[in-house]
Every structure is written in structure tokens, then in C-alpha cells.
Amino acid sequence: MRKIFIAVAALVTLAVAPLHAAPLVAKPEAALKKAFPQIRIDSMTASQIPGLYEVISGQNIFYYNPEKDLLLVGDMYTSAGQNLTGEKKRDLKEKQAAKTLEKLKDLPLDKAVKVGTGPKKVVEFTDPDCPYCRRASEALKGRTDITRYVFLTPLAHPNAITKVHYILSSKDQEQAYHEMMEGKPLPATATEFSKAVKDQAAQYMELARSLAVEGTPTFFINGQSVVGADMEKINELLK
């Protein structure tokens, strides 16, 4: 709650700031990209407060004031207690869920690393260096009733990309996948990879982005998503 109150106080301050502020920035989106180049911008629109812009980044919403290069994180409330930010987040979540279901139908499963041969389908976005991914992989390893379609996406561990390239370049991708998920070292010869392998790895990252995958592991089972190594939920969906 403290973060929310701080953000609200900052919003109130900005609401009265134009009395003494510099001229409005002509291109606020360009200003945001320059000041915070690491931030992905899906959309940027003027908020109800002059000089303050609402920025949507994946499933996240924050606010930006280009005159001072300030980012504000928190929820915007009306005097009646209506949570404008919360409502927008719920709307985003519903729309993304509908989009994801549609995109899952066209997911190129033939490009995934195939693990297992069982009748039940599991789509998995994972990272060879992620401890939770390894935990989930170990828990699923003994199941013979599933086929896992694995897309290797080192979102939080960029150095794991070499392991991704190694898996994709291997003749036995399933075996190489298990080696990396078990923490075995890369072979000394795993230093150079083809453009096709690198392009496939890049495609995996783009697929994750299109499905709004922001953390690993993320599973899609029977049209439902599971974020994290929540084996109780995964096992329930696989009954």
C-alpha cells in the first residue's frame, strides 16, 4: 500500500505542476525510449492528468512524465475510490488470455524441442539456467503420459543462450535438453553454431513475447497457463 500512496501523491503533484512547468515535450514516446531504452513500449496514451502518460508494457502499466523524465509505478484512483489502473490491468489480462488461446492454435510445435511421446500435450517455455525450470523438468521427467513441446527462452539468464544453441544443434535434442536441465557442463566443442540454430533461438524469444510470457517456466496445458513450477496445478490440469 505504501507504494500506491507514494504514487498517488506524485500524481497529485504532477497534476498541479503545469502552472510552473516547461513546455510540453512534443514526442513523449521518443523521450521515454531515450531516457529508458530498456523498457518495452506496447502503447502510450495521455492519462487523465495533464503531462502524464499511461504506458502499457506487456501486462504492466506505469506512468511517465516526459518533462522531468519520471516514471511512476502504482495505481491511479478517482476521488470515489475507483481504481482506474486496476480496471485497465484486468481488461489487459482478459484480452491477452483470448489472444493467447488463438495464438496457441498456430504455435509451430514442429519447431519445438520434443520431450516424451505421451498422449497429453504440454507446451513449455523454459530456461536451462533457471532453477525453477529445472525443478519442474525433474518433476515431469518421470511421466510417460505427456509430450512436452519445449521452447527455450532464457529471459532472465541471457548467458544461457549458448546452452540453447547447443540443444538446438544436437542430433538428439531431447538428450541434450536433459543434460542442460540437469546442470551438466557444456561440451568443450560447443562454441560455434549455425545461423539457422541462432535464428531458431531468436524465434523462440519472439514466440514468448507474442504470448506475453514474461517469466519461466511458463506452461500451457489444455488452454490454461501455469507460471512457475506449480506442480500441484500442473498435475491437476494433466489428470
C-alpha atoms as a PDB file:
ATOM      1  CA  MET A   1       0.000   0.000   0.000  1.00  0.00           C
ATOM      2  CA  ARG A   2       2.831   2.445   0.746  1.00  0.00           C
ATOM      3  CA  LYS A   3       3.948   2.305  -2.891  1.00  0.00           C
ATOM      4  CA  ILE A   4       0.422   3.157  -4.004  1.00  0.00           C
ATOM      5  CA  PHE A   5       0.182   6.150  -1.691  1.00  0.00           C
ATOM      6  CA  ILE A   6       3.570   7.423  -2.882  1.00  0.00           C
ATOM      7  CA  ALA A   7       2.481   7.088  -6.494  1.00  0.00           C
ATOM      8  CA  VAL A   8      -0.829   8.819  -5.835  1.00  0.00           C
ATOM      9  CA  ALA A   9       0.942  11.673  -4.069  1.00  0.00           C
ATOM     10  CA  ALA A  10       3.276  12.042  -7.026  1.00  0.00           C
ATOM     11  CA  LEU A  11       0.325  12.087  -9.403  1.00  0.00           C
ATOM     12  CA  VAL A  12      -1.324  14.858  -7.418  1.00  0.00           C
ATOM     13  CA  THR A  13       1.915  16.852  -7.534  1.00  0.00           C
ATOM     14  CA  LEU A  14       2.136  16.443 -11.305  1.00  0.00           C
ATOM     15  CA  ALA A  15      -1.498  17.422 -11.692  1.00  0.00           C
ATOM     16  CA  VAL A  16      -0.748  20.929 -10.428  1.00  0.00           C
ATOM     17  CA  ALA A  17       2.763  21.146 -11.891  1.00  0.00           C
ATOM     18  CA  PRO A  18       1.829  22.727 -15.264  1.00  0.00           C
ATOM     19  CA  LEU A  19       1.488  26.109 -13.523  1.00  0.00           C
ATOM     20  CA  HIS A  20       5.293  26.294 -13.364  1.00  0.00           C
ATOM     21  CA  ALA A  21       6.338  23.593 -15.843  1.00  0.00           C
ATOM     22  CA  ALA A  22       8.402  23.793 -19.008  1.00  0.00           C
ATOM     23  CA  PRO A  23       6.643  23.477 -22.390  1.00  0.00           C
ATOM     24  CA  LEU A  24       5.170  20.038 -23.127  1.00  0.00           C
ATOM     25  CA  VAL A  25       7.513  17.554 -24.812  1.00  0.00           C
ATOM     26  CA  ALA A  26       6.487  17.206 -28.460  1.00  0.00           C
ATOM     27  CA  LYS A  27       7.223  13.474 -28.771  1.00  0.00           C
ATOM     28  CA  PRO A  28       6.758  11.794 -25.371  1.00  0.00           C
ATOM     29  CA  GLU A  29       7.267   8.244 -26.687  1.00  0.00           C
ATOM     30  CA  ALA A  30      10.626   9.188 -28.192  1.00  0.00           C
ATOM     31  CA  ALA A  31      11.571  10.836 -24.898  1.00  0.00           C
ATOM     32  CA  LEU A  32      10.693   7.671 -22.969  1.00  0.00           C
ATOM     33  CA  LYS A  33      12.711   5.470 -25.330  1.00  0.00           C
ATOM     34  CA  LYS A  34      15.706   7.760 -24.958  1.00  0.00           C
ATOM     35  CA  ALA A  35      15.506   8.014 -21.158  1.00  0.00           C
ATOM     36  CA  PHE A  36      14.620   4.353 -20.512  1.00  0.00           C
ATOM     37  CA  PRO A  37      15.738   2.338 -23.573  1.00  0.00           C
ATOM     38  CA  GLN A  38      15.338  -0.970 -21.730  1.00  0.00           C
ATOM     39  CA  ILE A  39      11.572  -0.549 -21.403  1.00  0.00           C
ATOM     40  CA  ARG A  40       9.339  -2.238 -23.933  1.00  0.00           C
ATOM     41  CA  ILE A  41       6.509   0.058 -25.047  1.00  0.00           C
ATOM     42  CA  ASP A  42       3.347  -1.603 -26.349  1.00  0.00           C
ATOM     43  CA  SER A  43       1.245   1.550 -26.191  1.00  0.00           C
ATOM     44  CA  MET A  44       1.472   5.060 -24.784  1.00  0.00           C
ATOM     45  CA  THR A  45      -1.508   7.381 -24.347  1.00  0.00           C
ATOM     46  CA  ALA A  46      -2.278  10.572 -22.463  1.00  0.00           C
ATOM     47  CA  SER A  47      -3.694   9.912 -18.996  1.00  0.00           C
ATOM     48  CA  GLN A  48      -6.383  11.949 -17.258  1.00  0.00           C
ATOM     49  CA  ILE A  49      -3.656  14.074 -15.676  1.00  0.00           C
ATOM     50  CA  PRO A  50      -2.119  16.708 -17.983  1.00  0.00           C
ATOM     51  CA  GLY A  51       1.508  15.961 -18.841  1.00  0.00           C
ATOM     52  CA  LEU A  52       1.305  12.369 -17.588  1.00  0.00           C
ATOM     53  CA  TYR A  53       1.199   9.414 -19.985  1.00  0.00           C
ATOM     54  CA  GLU A  54      -0.038   5.889 -19.415  1.00  0.00           C
ATOM     55  CA  VAL A  55       2.417   3.283 -20.691  1.00  0.00           C
ATOM     56  CA  ILE A  56       1.486  -0.336 -21.301  1.00  0.00           C
ATOM     57  CA  SER A  57       4.397  -2.773 -21.308  1.00  0.00           C
ATOM     58  CA  GLY A  58       3.251  -6.374 -21.576  1.00  0.00           C
ATOM     59  CA  GLN A  59       0.846  -6.844 -18.685  1.00  0.00           C
ATOM     60  CA  ASN A  60       2.341  -3.920 -16.768  1.00  0.00           C
ATOM     61  CA  ILE A  61       1.066  -0.353 -16.559  1.00  0.00           C
ATOM     62  CA  PHE A  62       3.034   2.647 -15.372  1.00  0.00           C
ATOM     63  CA  TYR A  63       3.042   6.386 -15.909  1.00  0.00           C
ATOM     64  CA  TYR A  64       5.598   8.697 -17.460  1.00  0.00           C
ATOM     65  CA  ASN A  65       6.180  12.438 -17.238  1.00  0.00           C
ATOM     66  CA  PRO A  66       8.442  13.442 -20.167  1.00  0.00           C
ATOM     67  CA  GLU A  67       9.197  16.923 -18.843  1.00  0.00           C
ATOM     68  CA  LYS A  68      11.074  15.527 -15.847  1.00  0.00           C
ATOM     69  CA  ASP A  69      11.802  12.012 -17.189  1.00  0.00           C
ATOM     70  CA  LEU A  70       9.941  10.490 -14.250  1.00  0.00           C
ATOM     71  CA  LEU A  71       8.400   7.011 -14.097  1.00  0.00           C
ATOM     72  CA  LEU A  72       5.563   6.437 -11.647  1.00  0.00           C
ATOM     73  CA  VAL A  73       4.573   2.943 -10.553  1.00  0.00           C
ATOM     74  CA  GLY A  74       1.294   2.481  -8.743  1.00  0.00           C
ATOM     75  CA  ASP A  75      -2.456   2.662  -9.175  1.00  0.00           C
ATOM     76  CA  MET A  76      -4.441   5.755 -10.120  1.00  0.00           C
ATOM     77  CA  TYR A  77      -7.660   6.277  -8.147  1.00  0.00           C
ATOM     78  CA  THR A  78     -10.594   8.617  -8.568  1.00  0.00           C
ATOM     79  CA  SER A  79     -11.985  10.528  -5.588  1.00  0.00           C
ATOM     80  CA  ALA A  80     -14.798   7.953  -5.500  1.00  0.00           C
ATOM     81  CA  GLY A  81     -12.271   5.161  -4.951  1.00  0.00           C
ATOM     82  CA  GLN A  82     -12.374   3.774  -8.492  1.00  0.00           C
ATOM     83  CA  ASN A  83      -9.080   2.083  -9.357  1.00  0.00           C
ATOM     84  CA  LEU A  84      -8.507   3.166 -12.958  1.00  0.00           C
ATOM     85  CA  THR A  85      -5.206   1.305 -13.267  1.00  0.00           C
ATOM     86  CA  GLY A  86      -6.602  -1.895 -11.790  1.00  0.00           C
ATOM     87  CA  GLU A  87      -9.514  -1.865 -14.227  1.00  0.00           C
ATOM     88  CA  LYS A  88      -7.157  -1.420 -17.162  1.00  0.00           C
ATOM     89  CA  LYS A  89      -4.963  -4.302 -15.931  1.00  0.00           C
ATOM     90  CA  ARG A  90      -7.967  -6.628 -15.699  1.00  0.00           C
ATOM     91  CA  ASP A  91      -9.026  -5.646 -19.204  1.00  0.00           C
ATOM     92  CA  LEU A  92      -5.495  -6.280 -20.492  1.00  0.00           C
ATOM     93  CA  LYS A  93      -5.402  -9.695 -18.842  1.00  0.00           C
ATOM     94  CA  GLU A  94      -8.718 -10.750 -20.380  1.00  0.00           C
ATOM     95  CA  LYS A  95      -7.717  -9.568 -23.847  1.00  0.00           C
ATOM     96  CA  GLN A  96      -4.310 -11.240 -23.613  1.00  0.00           C
ATOM     97  CA  ALA A  97      -5.881 -14.533 -22.498  1.00  0.00           C
ATOM     98  CA  ALA A  98      -8.147 -14.504 -25.557  1.00  0.00           C
ATOM     99  CA  LYS A  99      -5.223 -13.655 -27.866  1.00  0.00           C
ATOM    100  CA  THR A 100      -3.078 -16.371 -26.323  1.00  0.00           C
ATOM    101  CA  LEU A 101      -5.707 -19.047 -26.915  1.00  0.00           C
ATOM    102  CA  GLU A 102      -5.859 -18.072 -30.583  1.00  0.00           C
ATOM    103  CA  LYS A 103      -2.080 -17.954 -30.979  1.00  0.00           C
ATOM    104  CA  LEU A 104      -1.628 -21.333 -29.305  1.00  0.00           C
ATOM    105  CA  LYS A 105      -3.580 -22.891 -32.174  1.00  0.00           C
ATOM    106  CA  ASP A 106      -0.914 -21.721 -34.619  1.00  0.00           C
ATOM    107  CA  LEU A 107       2.121 -22.401 -32.449  1.00  0.00           C
ATOM    108  CA  PRO A 108       4.825 -24.121 -34.561  1.00  0.00           C
ATOM    109  CA  LEU A 109       5.125 -27.247 -32.426  1.00  0.00           C
ATOM    110  CA  ASP A 110       7.277 -28.849 -35.110  1.00  0.00           C
ATOM    111  CA  LYS A 111       9.951 -26.267 -34.258  1.00  0.00           C
ATOM    112  CA  ALA A 112       9.925 -27.068 -30.531  1.00  0.00           C
ATOM    113  CA  VAL A 113      12.228 -29.460 -28.704  1.00  0.00           C
ATOM    114  CA  LYS A 114      10.047 -32.530 -28.277  1.00  0.00           C
ATOM    115  CA  VAL A 115      10.346 -34.349 -24.956  1.00  0.00           C
ATOM    116  CA  GLY A 116       8.369 -37.539 -24.388  1.00  0.00           C
ATOM    117  CA  THR A 117       5.784 -39.370 -26.502  1.00  0.00           C
ATOM    118  CA  GLY A 118       2.665 -39.426 -24.331  1.00  0.00           C
ATOM    119  CA  PRO A 119      -0.865 -38.510 -25.476  1.00  0.00           C
ATOM    120  CA  LYS A 120      -1.261 -35.387 -23.323  1.00  0.00           C
ATOM    121  CA  LYS A 121       0.229 -32.173 -24.705  1.00  0.00           C
ATOM    122  CA  VAL A 122       2.254 -29.691 -22.653  1.00  0.00           C
ATOM    123  CA  VAL A 123       3.656 -26.502 -24.183  1.00  0.00           C
ATOM    124  CA  GLU A 124       6.584 -25.232 -22.147  1.00  0.00           C
ATOM    125  CA  PHE A 125       8.679 -22.063 -22.180  1.00  0.00           C
ATOM    126  CA  THR A 126      11.786 -22.708 -20.138  1.00  0.00           C
ATOM    127  CA  ASP A 127      15.347 -21.593 -19.412  1.00  0.00           C
ATOM    128  CA  PRO A 128      18.272 -24.035 -18.947  1.00  0.00           C
ATOM    129  CA  ASP A 129      19.762 -21.885 -16.161  1.00  0.00           C
ATOM    130  CA  CYS A 130      16.506 -21.247 -14.279  1.00  0.00           C
ATOM    131  CA  PRO A 131      16.364 -23.258 -11.006  1.00  0.00           C
ATOM    132  CA  TYR A 132      12.560 -23.372 -11.032  1.00  0.00           C
ATOM    133  CA  CYS A 133      12.613 -24.595 -14.629  1.00  0.00           C
ATOM    134  CA  ARG A 134      14.984 -27.369 -13.632  1.00  0.00           C
ATOM    135  CA  ARG A 135      12.766 -28.296 -10.700  1.00  0.00           C
ATOM    136  CA  ALA A 136       9.712 -28.549 -12.950  1.00  0.00           C
ATOM    137  CA  SER A 137      11.647 -30.510 -15.565  1.00  0.00           C
ATOM    138  CA  GLU A 138      12.775 -33.030 -12.976  1.00  0.00           C
ATOM    139  CA  ALA A 139       9.209 -33.419 -11.694  1.00  0.00           C
ATOM    140  CA  LEU A 140       7.855 -34.051 -15.203  1.00  0.00           C
ATOM    141  CA  LYS A 141      10.693 -36.306 -16.322  1.00  0.00           C
ATOM    142  CA  GLY A 142       9.143 -39.496 -14.989  1.00  0.00           C
ATOM    143  CA  ARG A 143       5.749 -39.001 -16.635  1.00  0.00           C
ATOM    144  CA  THR A 144       5.083 -41.245 -19.619  1.00  0.00           C
ATOM    145  CA  ASP A 145       1.624 -39.842 -20.383  1.00  0.00           C
ATOM    146  CA  ILE A 146       2.770 -36.477 -21.777  1.00  0.00           C
ATOM    147  CA  THR A 147       4.596 -34.974 -24.731  1.00  0.00           C
ATOM    148  CA  ARG A 148       6.314 -31.707 -23.912  1.00  0.00           C
ATOM    149  CA  TYR A 149       6.863 -29.139 -26.646  1.00  0.00           C
ATOM    150  CA  VAL A 150       9.695 -27.067 -25.240  1.00  0.00           C
ATOM    151  CA  PHE A 151      10.607 -23.550 -26.340  1.00  0.00           C
ATOM    152  CA  LEU A 152      13.900 -22.464 -24.800  1.00  0.00           C
ATOM    153  CA  THR A 153      13.670 -18.840 -23.691  1.00  0.00           C
ATOM    154  CA  PRO A 154      16.404 -17.585 -21.323  1.00  0.00           C
ATOM    155  CA  LEU A 155      14.538 -14.423 -20.318  1.00  0.00           C
ATOM    156  CA  ALA A 156      16.382 -13.867 -17.043  1.00  0.00           C
ATOM    157  CA  HIS A 157      19.640 -15.683 -17.843  1.00  0.00           C
ATOM    158  CA  PRO A 158      20.974 -14.343 -21.161  1.00  0.00           C
ATOM    159  CA  ASN A 159      24.215 -16.296 -20.773  1.00  0.00           C
ATOM    160  CA  ALA A 160      22.171 -19.482 -21.129  1.00  0.00           C
ATOM    161  CA  ILE A 161      21.781 -18.785 -24.841  1.00  0.00           C
ATOM    162  CA  THR A 162      24.855 -20.940 -25.555  1.00  0.00           C
ATOM    163  CA  LYS A 163      23.078 -23.874 -23.904  1.00  0.00           C
ATOM    164  CA  VAL A 164      20.018 -23.160 -26.020  1.00  0.00           C
ATOM    165  CA  HIS A 165      22.156 -23.197 -29.163  1.00  0.00           C
ATOM    166  CA  TYR A 166      23.787 -26.449 -28.055  1.00  0.00           C
ATOM    167  CA  ILE A 167      20.424 -28.155 -27.525  1.00  0.00           C
ATOM    168  CA  LEU A 168      19.047 -26.977 -30.856  1.00  0.00           C
ATOM    169  CA  SER A 169      22.176 -28.046 -32.752  1.00  0.00           C
ATOM    170  CA  SER A 170      22.265 -31.532 -31.220  1.00  0.00           C
ATOM    171  CA  LYS A 171      21.222 -34.624 -33.171  1.00  0.00           C
ATOM    172  CA  ASP A 172      19.398 -35.850 -30.072  1.00  0.00           C
ATOM    173  CA  GLN A 173      17.753 -32.665 -28.811  1.00  0.00           C
ATOM    174  CA  GLU A 174      15.836 -34.429 -26.049  1.00  0.00           C
ATOM    175  CA  GLN A 175      19.014 -35.904 -24.594  1.00  0.00           C
ATOM    176  CA  ALA A 176      20.837 -32.567 -24.843  1.00  0.00           C
ATOM    177  CA  TYR A 177      17.882 -30.869 -23.164  1.00  0.00           C
ATOM    178  CA  HIS A 178      18.042 -33.249 -20.201  1.00  0.00           C
ATOM    179  CA  GLU A 179      21.816 -32.771 -19.917  1.00  0.00           C
ATOM    180  CA  MET A 180      21.483 -28.998 -19.654  1.00  0.00           C
ATOM    181  CA  MET A 181      18.483 -29.115 -17.301  1.00  0.00           C
ATOM    182  CA  GLU A 182      20.434 -31.460 -15.024  1.00  0.00           C
ATOM    183  CA  GLY A 183      23.229 -28.889 -14.814  1.00  0.00           C
ATOM    184  CA  LYS A 184      25.818 -30.830 -16.772  1.00  0.00           C
ATOM    185  CA  PRO A 185      28.607 -28.729 -18.335  1.00  0.00           C
ATOM    186  CA  LEU A 186      28.609 -27.763 -21.964  1.00  0.00           C
ATOM    187  CA  PRO A 187      30.928 -29.865 -24.128  1.00  0.00           C
ATOM    188  CA  ALA A 188      34.187 -28.092 -24.921  1.00  0.00           C
ATOM    189  CA  THR A 189      33.282 -28.249 -28.611  1.00  0.00           C
ATOM    190  CA  ALA A 190      30.041 -26.279 -28.132  1.00  0.00           C
ATOM    191  CA  THR A 191      31.419 -22.948 -29.276  1.00  0.00           C
ATOM    192  CA  GLU A 192      30.197 -22.322 -32.818  1.00  0.00           C
ATOM    193  CA  PHE A 193      26.646 -22.641 -34.112  1.00  0.00           C
ATOM    194  CA  SER A 194      24.943 -22.160 -37.447  1.00  0.00           C
ATOM    195  CA  LYS A 195      22.823 -19.175 -38.403  1.00  0.00           C
ATOM    196  CA  ALA A 196      19.801 -21.490 -38.634  1.00  0.00           C
ATOM    197  CA  VAL A 197      20.234 -22.502 -34.988  1.00  0.00           C
ATOM    198  CA  LYS A 198      20.607 -18.899 -33.860  1.00  0.00           C
ATOM    199  CA  ASP A 199      17.562 -17.876 -35.891  1.00  0.00           C
ATOM    200  CA  GLN A 200      15.516 -20.652 -34.293  1.00  0.00           C
ATOM    201  CA  ALA A 201      16.544 -19.485 -30.818  1.00  0.00           C
ATOM    202  CA  ALA A 202      15.542 -15.931 -31.737  1.00  0.00           C
ATOM    203  CA  GLN A 203      12.197 -17.219 -32.986  1.00  0.00           C
ATOM    204  CA  TYR A 204      11.600 -18.850 -29.600  1.00  0.00           C
ATOM    205  CA  MET A 205      12.109 -15.496 -27.887  1.00  0.00           C
ATOM    206  CA  GLU A 206       9.694 -13.805 -30.281  1.00  0.00           C
ATOM    207  CA  LEU A 207       7.083 -16.510 -29.663  1.00  0.00           C
ATOM    208  CA  ALA A 208       7.406 -15.938 -25.919  1.00  0.00           C
ATOM    209  CA  ARG A 209       6.853 -12.235 -26.427  1.00  0.00           C
ATOM    210  CA  SER A 210       3.800 -12.795 -28.641  1.00  0.00           C
ATOM    211  CA  LEU A 211       2.234 -14.958 -25.922  1.00  0.00           C
ATOM    212  CA  ALA A 212       3.112 -12.407 -23.207  1.00  0.00           C
ATOM    213  CA  VAL A 213       5.432 -14.897 -21.496  1.00  0.00           C
ATOM    214  CA  GLU A 214       7.378 -12.797 -19.004  1.00  0.00           C
ATOM    215  CA  GLY A 215       8.804 -15.471 -16.714  1.00  0.00           C
ATOM    216  CA  THR A 216       9.992 -19.057 -16.820  1.00  0.00           C
ATOM    217  CA  PRO A 217       8.877 -21.703 -16.578  1.00  0.00           C
ATOM    218  CA  THR A 218       5.524 -20.998 -18.206  1.00  0.00           C
ATOM    219  CA  PHE A 219       3.294 -23.900 -19.238  1.00  0.00           C
ATOM    220  CA  PHE A 220       0.209 -24.062 -21.428  1.00  0.00           C
ATOM    221  CA  ILE A 221      -1.960 -27.092 -20.728  1.00  0.00           C
ATOM    222  CA  ASN A 222      -5.474 -27.564 -22.075  1.00  0.00           C
ATOM    223  CA  GLY A 223      -5.701 -23.867 -22.922  1.00  0.00           C
ATOM    224  CA  GLN A 224      -4.679 -22.729 -19.448  1.00  0.00           C
ATOM    225  CA  SER A 225      -1.390 -21.153 -18.423  1.00  0.00           C
ATOM    226  CA  VAL A 226       0.709 -22.010 -15.395  1.00  0.00           C
ATOM    227  CA  VAL A 227       3.521 -19.646 -14.444  1.00  0.00           C
ATOM    228  CA  GLY A 228       6.230 -21.114 -12.242  1.00  0.00           C
ATOM    229  CA  ALA A 229       6.958 -24.630 -11.015  1.00  0.00           C
ATOM    230  CA  ASP A 230       3.440 -25.047  -9.596  1.00  0.00           C
ATOM    231  CA  MET A 231       3.394 -28.824  -9.828  1.00  0.00           C
ATOM    232  CA  GLU A 232       0.129 -29.126  -7.925  1.00  0.00           C
ATOM    233  CA  LYS A 233      -1.691 -27.096 -10.575  1.00  0.00           C
ATOM    234  CA  ILE A 234       0.176 -28.774 -13.437  1.00  0.00           C
ATOM    235  CA  ASN A 235      -0.699 -32.246 -12.176  1.00  0.00           C
ATOM    236  CA  GLU A 236      -4.320 -31.191 -11.716  1.00  0.00           C
ATOM    237  CA  LEU A 237      -4.541 -29.995 -15.333  1.00  0.00           C
ATOM    238  CA  LEU A 238      -2.973 -33.240 -16.547  1.00  0.00           C
ATOM    239  CA  LYS A 239      -5.462 -35.536 -14.805  1.00  0.00           C
END
